[in-house]
Amino acid sequence: MIPKADEIRNALATAEGIAWDTCHKIYILMDTEEVDKMRGYGYDPLITTDTHTPDEMFDTISKWYRDSCGLRFIDICETPRTDDPNSGFYQVVPQFADELEEVI
């Protein structure tokens, strides 16, 4: 099972999309600004609620997590409401979580 599956499912219920760098960075994108930002960064795959349900996005994140390298992590991202650009990131599954918890 993916670490913090319930927290991930809860976030996906209102997320706008998900993105993966095909190596270790997995993001749950909470608003369209973050979707646009990741699209501008060239993230591919990038999946939105236009094509996938929250359950489908969870299944996709689970696969990405299994396929990621050992540096993998999952962050929730929302557009910062302050001047601190890092304030919009919330770490759900930190790097090296598999050493601490049961994973997929």
N, C-alpha and C. Protein backbone atom coordinates (compact mmCIF):
# COMPACT_ATOMS: atom_id res chain seq x y z
N MET A 1 0.85 -1.19 0.00
CA MET A 1 0.00 0.00 0.00
C MET A 1 0.88 1.24 0.00
N ILE A 2 0.44 2.26 -0.69
CA ILE A 2 1.19 3.52 -0.75
C ILE A 2 1.10 4.22 0.61
N PRO A 3 2.21 4.80 1.08
CA PRO A 3 2.16 5.51 2.36
C PRO A 3 1.14 6.64 2.32
N LYS A 4 0.43 6.80 3.41
CA LYS A 4 -0.53 7.90 3.57
C LYS A 4 -1.60 7.90 2.47
N ALA A 5 -2.06 6.73 2.11
CA ALA A 5 -3.04 6.59 1.03
C ALA A 5 -4.29 7.42 1.30
N ASP A 6 -4.77 7.42 2.54
CA ASP A 6 -5.99 8.19 2.85
C ASP A 6 -5.78 9.68 2.64
N GLU A 7 -4.64 10.18 3.05
CA GLU A 7 -4.35 11.60 2.87
C GLU A 7 -4.25 11.95 1.38
N ILE A 8 -3.66 11.06 0.61
CA ILE A 8 -3.56 11.28 -0.83
C ILE A 8 -4.94 11.26 -1.47
N ARG A 9 -5.76 10.29 -1.10
CA ARG A 9 -7.13 10.23 -1.66
C ARG A 9 -7.92 11.48 -1.30
N ASN A 10 -7.78 11.96 -0.07
CA ASN A 10 -8.49 13.18 0.34
C ASN A 10 -8.06 14.36 -0.50
N ALA A 11 -6.77 14.50 -0.75
CA ALA A 11 -6.27 15.61 -1.57
C ALA A 11 -6.78 15.48 -3.00
N LEU A 12 -6.78 14.28 -3.54
CA LEU A 12 -7.22 14.08 -4.92
C LEU A 12 -8.70 14.39 -5.12
N ALA A 13 -9.49 14.33 -4.05
CA ALA A 13 -10.92 14.62 -4.16
C ALA A 13 -11.17 16.05 -4.64
N THR A 14 -10.23 16.96 -4.36
CA THR A 14 -10.41 18.36 -4.77
C THR A 14 -9.27 18.86 -5.65
N ALA A 15 -8.34 17.99 -6.01
CA ALA A 15 -7.19 18.40 -6.84
C ALA A 15 -7.61 18.67 -8.27
N GLU A 16 -6.79 19.45 -8.96
CA GLU A 16 -7.00 19.73 -10.38
C GLU A 16 -6.18 18.81 -11.27
N GLY A 17 -5.13 18.20 -10.70
CA GLY A 17 -4.31 17.32 -11.52
C GLY A 17 -3.15 16.72 -10.74
N ILE A 18 -2.36 15.91 -11.47
CA ILE A 18 -1.17 15.29 -10.92
C ILE A 18 -0.05 15.38 -11.96
N ALA A 19 1.19 15.37 -11.49
CA ALA A 19 2.33 15.46 -12.40
C ALA A 19 3.46 14.61 -11.85
N TRP A 20 4.32 14.13 -12.78
CA TRP A 20 5.48 13.30 -12.42
C TRP A 20 6.63 13.64 -13.34
N ASP A 21 7.83 13.67 -12.80
CA ASP A 21 9.01 13.97 -13.62
C ASP A 21 9.61 12.71 -14.24
N THR A 22 8.98 11.57 -14.10
CA THR A 22 9.38 10.23 -14.56
C THR A 22 10.60 9.70 -13.83
N CYS A 23 10.99 10.36 -12.74
CA CYS A 23 12.10 9.86 -11.93
C CYS A 23 11.66 9.72 -10.47
N HIS A 24 11.44 10.84 -9.77
CA HIS A 24 11.12 10.74 -8.35
C HIS A 24 10.17 11.82 -7.81
N LYS A 25 9.89 12.85 -8.56
CA LYS A 25 9.04 13.95 -8.09
C LYS A 25 7.60 13.72 -8.54
N ILE A 26 6.71 13.50 -7.57
CA ILE A 26 5.29 13.32 -7.84
C ILE A 26 4.54 14.44 -7.13
N TYR A 27 3.69 15.14 -7.90
CA TYR A 27 2.96 16.27 -7.35
C TYR A 27 1.46 16.09 -7.52
N ILE A 28 0.72 16.47 -6.47
CA ILE A 28 -0.73 16.59 -6.52
C ILE A 28 -0.99 18.08 -6.64
N LEU A 29 -1.62 18.48 -7.73
CA LEU A 29 -1.79 19.90 -8.06
C LEU A 29 -3.19 20.34 -7.66
N MET A 30 -3.26 21.27 -6.72
CA MET A 30 -4.54 21.63 -6.13
C MET A 30 -5.30 22.73 -6.87
N ASP A 31 -4.65 23.43 -7.79
CA ASP A 31 -5.36 24.50 -8.50
C ASP A 31 -4.83 24.61 -9.93
N THR A 32 -5.58 25.32 -10.74
CA THR A 32 -5.22 25.41 -12.15
C THR A 32 -3.91 26.16 -12.36
N GLU A 33 -3.58 27.08 -11.45
CA GLU A 33 -2.30 27.79 -11.57
C GLU A 33 -1.13 26.81 -11.47
N GLU A 34 -1.24 25.85 -10.57
CA GLU A 34 -0.17 24.85 -10.42
C GLU A 34 -0.13 23.91 -11.63
N VAL A 35 -1.29 23.57 -12.16
CA VAL A 35 -1.32 22.76 -13.38
C VAL A 35 -0.60 23.50 -14.50
N ASP A 36 -0.93 24.77 -14.67
CA ASP A 36 -0.30 25.57 -15.72
C ASP A 36 1.21 25.71 -15.50
N LYS A 37 1.61 25.89 -14.24
CA LYS A 37 3.03 26.02 -13.92
C LYS A 37 3.78 24.74 -14.28
N MET A 38 3.24 23.59 -13.89
CA MET A 38 3.90 22.31 -14.19
C MET A 38 3.92 22.04 -15.70
N ARG A 39 2.86 22.44 -16.35
CA ARG A 39 2.82 22.30 -17.82
C ARG A 39 3.93 23.16 -18.43
N GLY A 40 4.11 24.37 -17.92
CA GLY A 40 5.17 25.25 -18.40
C GLY A 40 6.56 24.72 -18.12
N TYR A 41 6.71 23.97 -17.02
CA TYR A 41 7.99 23.35 -16.70
C TYR A 41 8.26 22.13 -17.58
N GLY A 42 7.24 21.70 -18.32
CA GLY A 42 7.42 20.56 -19.21
C GLY A 42 7.14 19.20 -18.58
N TYR A 43 6.42 19.18 -17.46
CA TYR A 43 6.11 17.90 -16.83
C TYR A 43 5.23 17.07 -17.76
N ASP A 44 5.68 15.86 -18.00
CA ASP A 44 4.95 14.91 -18.83
C ASP A 44 5.34 13.52 -18.36
N PRO A 45 4.43 12.85 -17.71
CA PRO A 45 2.99 13.02 -17.74
C PRO A 45 2.46 14.07 -16.77
N LEU A 46 1.39 14.70 -17.21
CA LEU A 46 0.61 15.63 -16.41
C LEU A 46 -0.85 15.28 -16.71
N ILE A 47 -1.58 14.92 -15.69
CA ILE A 47 -2.95 14.44 -15.85
C ILE A 47 -3.88 15.37 -15.08
N THR A 48 -5.01 15.71 -15.68
CA THR A 48 -5.96 16.61 -15.01
C THR A 48 -7.31 15.94 -14.83
N THR A 49 -8.15 16.65 -14.09
CA THR A 49 -9.50 16.15 -13.85
C THR A 49 -10.36 16.17 -15.11
N ASP A 50 -9.86 16.79 -16.17
CA ASP A 50 -10.58 16.76 -17.45
C ASP A 50 -10.62 15.35 -18.02
N THR A 51 -9.62 14.53 -17.67
CA THR A 51 -9.53 13.20 -18.27
C THR A 51 -9.56 12.05 -17.25
N HIS A 52 -9.34 12.35 -15.97
CA HIS A 52 -9.25 11.29 -14.97
C HIS A 52 -10.05 11.64 -13.72
N THR A 53 -10.63 10.62 -13.11
CA THR A 53 -11.32 10.78 -11.83
C THR A 53 -10.29 10.73 -10.71
N PRO A 54 -10.68 11.14 -9.50
CA PRO A 54 -9.75 11.01 -8.37
C PRO A 54 -9.26 9.58 -8.16
N ASP A 55 -10.13 8.59 -8.33
CA ASP A 55 -9.70 7.20 -8.17
C ASP A 55 -8.69 6.81 -9.24
N GLU A 56 -8.90 7.24 -10.46
CA GLU A 56 -7.94 6.96 -11.53
C GLU A 56 -6.61 7.66 -11.27
N MET A 57 -6.67 8.87 -10.76
CA MET A 57 -5.43 9.58 -10.43
C MET A 57 -4.69 8.88 -9.29
N PHE A 58 -5.41 8.35 -8.30
CA PHE A 58 -4.78 7.60 -7.23
C PHE A 58 -4.07 6.37 -7.78
N ASP A 59 -4.74 5.64 -8.65
CA ASP A 59 -4.12 4.47 -9.27
C ASP A 59 -2.87 4.85 -10.05
N THR A 60 -2.93 5.98 -10.74
CA THR A 60 -1.78 6.46 -11.51
C THR A 60 -0.63 6.84 -10.59
N ILE A 61 -0.92 7.57 -9.52
CA ILE A 61 0.12 7.95 -8.56
C ILE A 61 0.75 6.70 -7.96
N SER A 62 -0.06 5.70 -7.65
CA SER A 62 0.47 4.45 -7.10
C SER A 62 1.45 3.80 -8.06
N LYS A 63 1.12 3.79 -9.34
CA LYS A 63 2.03 3.21 -10.34
C LYS A 63 3.29 4.06 -10.45
N TRP A 64 3.14 5.37 -10.51
CA TRP A 64 4.31 6.25 -10.59
C TRP A 64 5.22 6.03 -9.39
N TYR A 65 4.63 5.89 -8.22
CA TYR A 65 5.41 5.69 -7.00
C TYR A 65 6.22 4.40 -7.10
N ARG A 66 5.57 3.33 -7.54
CA ARG A 66 6.28 2.06 -7.71
C ARG A 66 7.41 2.18 -8.73
N ASP A 67 7.18 2.95 -9.79
CA ASP A 67 8.15 3.08 -10.88
C ASP A 67 9.24 4.13 -10.64
N SER A 68 9.14 4.86 -9.56
CA SER A 68 10.10 5.93 -9.26
C SER A 68 11.39 5.38 -8.65
N CYS A 69 12.42 6.20 -8.73
CA CYS A 69 13.70 5.83 -8.12
C CYS A 69 13.62 5.98 -6.60
N GLY A 70 14.67 5.62 -5.92
CA GLY A 70 14.70 5.65 -4.46
C GLY A 70 14.57 7.01 -3.83
N LEU A 71 14.70 8.07 -4.60
CA LEU A 71 14.55 9.43 -4.08
C LEU A 71 13.10 9.92 -4.11
N ARG A 72 12.18 9.06 -4.43
CA ARG A 72 10.78 9.44 -4.66
C ARG A 72 10.14 10.13 -3.46
N PHE A 73 9.21 11.04 -3.82
CA PHE A 73 8.39 11.72 -2.82
C PHE A 73 7.09 12.15 -3.49
N ILE A 74 6.09 12.46 -2.66
CA ILE A 74 4.81 12.98 -3.14
C ILE A 74 4.52 14.25 -2.36
N ASP A 75 4.33 15.35 -3.09
CA ASP A 75 3.98 16.64 -2.49
C ASP A 75 2.63 17.12 -3.00
N ILE A 76 1.90 17.79 -2.15
CA ILE A 76 0.71 18.53 -2.55
C ILE A 76 1.16 19.95 -2.84
N CYS A 77 0.73 20.50 -3.96
CA CYS A 77 1.13 21.86 -4.36
C CYS A 77 -0.10 22.72 -4.58
N GLU A 78 -0.07 23.90 -4.02
CA GLU A 78 -1.08 24.90 -4.31
C GLU A 78 -0.38 26.24 -4.50
N THR A 79 -1.01 27.11 -5.22
CA THR A 79 -0.40 28.40 -5.49
C THR A 79 -0.18 29.14 -4.18
N PRO A 80 1.06 29.57 -3.92
CA PRO A 80 1.36 30.28 -2.66
C PRO A 80 0.53 31.55 -2.53
N ARG A 81 0.07 31.80 -1.35
CA ARG A 81 -0.70 33.03 -1.07
C ARG A 81 0.15 34.06 -0.33
N THR A 82 1.46 33.77 -0.26
CA THR A 82 2.40 34.68 0.38
C THR A 82 3.56 34.91 -0.60
N ASP A 83 4.52 35.71 -0.19
CA ASP A 83 5.69 35.96 -1.01
C ASP A 83 6.67 34.79 -1.01
N ASP A 84 6.49 33.85 -0.10
CA ASP A 84 7.37 32.69 -0.01
C ASP A 84 6.93 31.64 -1.02
N PRO A 85 7.69 31.40 -2.10
CA PRO A 85 7.27 30.47 -3.14
C PRO A 85 7.19 29.03 -2.65
N ASN A 86 7.82 28.71 -1.53
CA ASN A 86 7.77 27.35 -0.99
C ASN A 86 6.57 27.11 -0.08
N SER A 87 5.81 28.16 0.20
CA SER A 87 4.69 28.02 1.12
C SER A 87 3.55 27.19 0.55
N GLY A 88 3.55 26.95 -0.74
CA GLY A 88 2.47 26.19 -1.36
C GLY A 88 2.73 24.70 -1.44
N PHE A 89 3.85 24.23 -0.88
CA PHE A 89 4.19 22.81 -0.93
C PHE A 89 3.92 22.16 0.42
N TYR A 90 3.26 21.01 0.37
CA TYR A 90 3.02 20.23 1.57
C TYR A 90 3.48 18.80 1.29
N GLN A 91 4.42 18.33 2.05
CA GLN A 91 4.98 17.01 1.84
C GLN A 91 4.05 15.95 2.41
N VAL A 92 3.57 15.06 1.55
CA VAL A 92 2.70 13.97 1.99
C VAL A 92 3.54 12.72 2.25
N VAL A 93 4.34 12.35 1.26
CA VAL A 93 5.23 11.19 1.40
C VAL A 93 6.65 11.72 1.18
N PRO A 94 7.43 11.83 2.26
CA PRO A 94 8.78 12.35 2.11
C PRO A 94 9.71 11.34 1.45
N GLN A 95 10.85 11.84 1.00
CA GLN A 95 11.86 10.94 0.47
C GLN A 95 12.24 9.92 1.54
N PHE A 96 12.53 8.71 1.09
CA PHE A 96 12.95 7.60 1.94
C PHE A 96 11.85 7.11 2.88
N ALA A 97 10.59 7.39 2.55
CA ALA A 97 9.48 6.93 3.38
C ALA A 97 9.44 5.42 3.46
N ASP A 98 9.88 4.72 2.42
CA ASP A 98 9.84 3.26 2.42
C ASP A 98 10.71 2.68 3.53
N GLU A 99 11.69 3.43 3.95
CA GLU A 99 12.51 2.95 5.04
C GLU A 99 11.78 3.05 6.38
N LEU A 100 10.72 3.84 6.41
CA LEU A 100 9.98 4.07 7.64
C LEU A 100 8.62 3.37 7.67
N GLU A 101 8.03 3.16 6.50
CA GLU A 101 6.67 2.65 6.43
C GLU A 101 6.57 1.54 5.39
N GLU A 102 5.48 0.81 5.47
CA GLU A 102 5.19 -0.17 4.42
C GLU A 102 4.74 0.62 3.19
N VAL A 103 5.21 0.21 2.04
CA VAL A 103 4.86 0.90 0.79
C VAL A 103 4.15 -0.08 -0.13
N ILE A 104 3.89 0.39 -1.33
CA ILE A 104 3.13 -0.39 -2.30
C ILE A 104 3.71 -1.77 -2.44
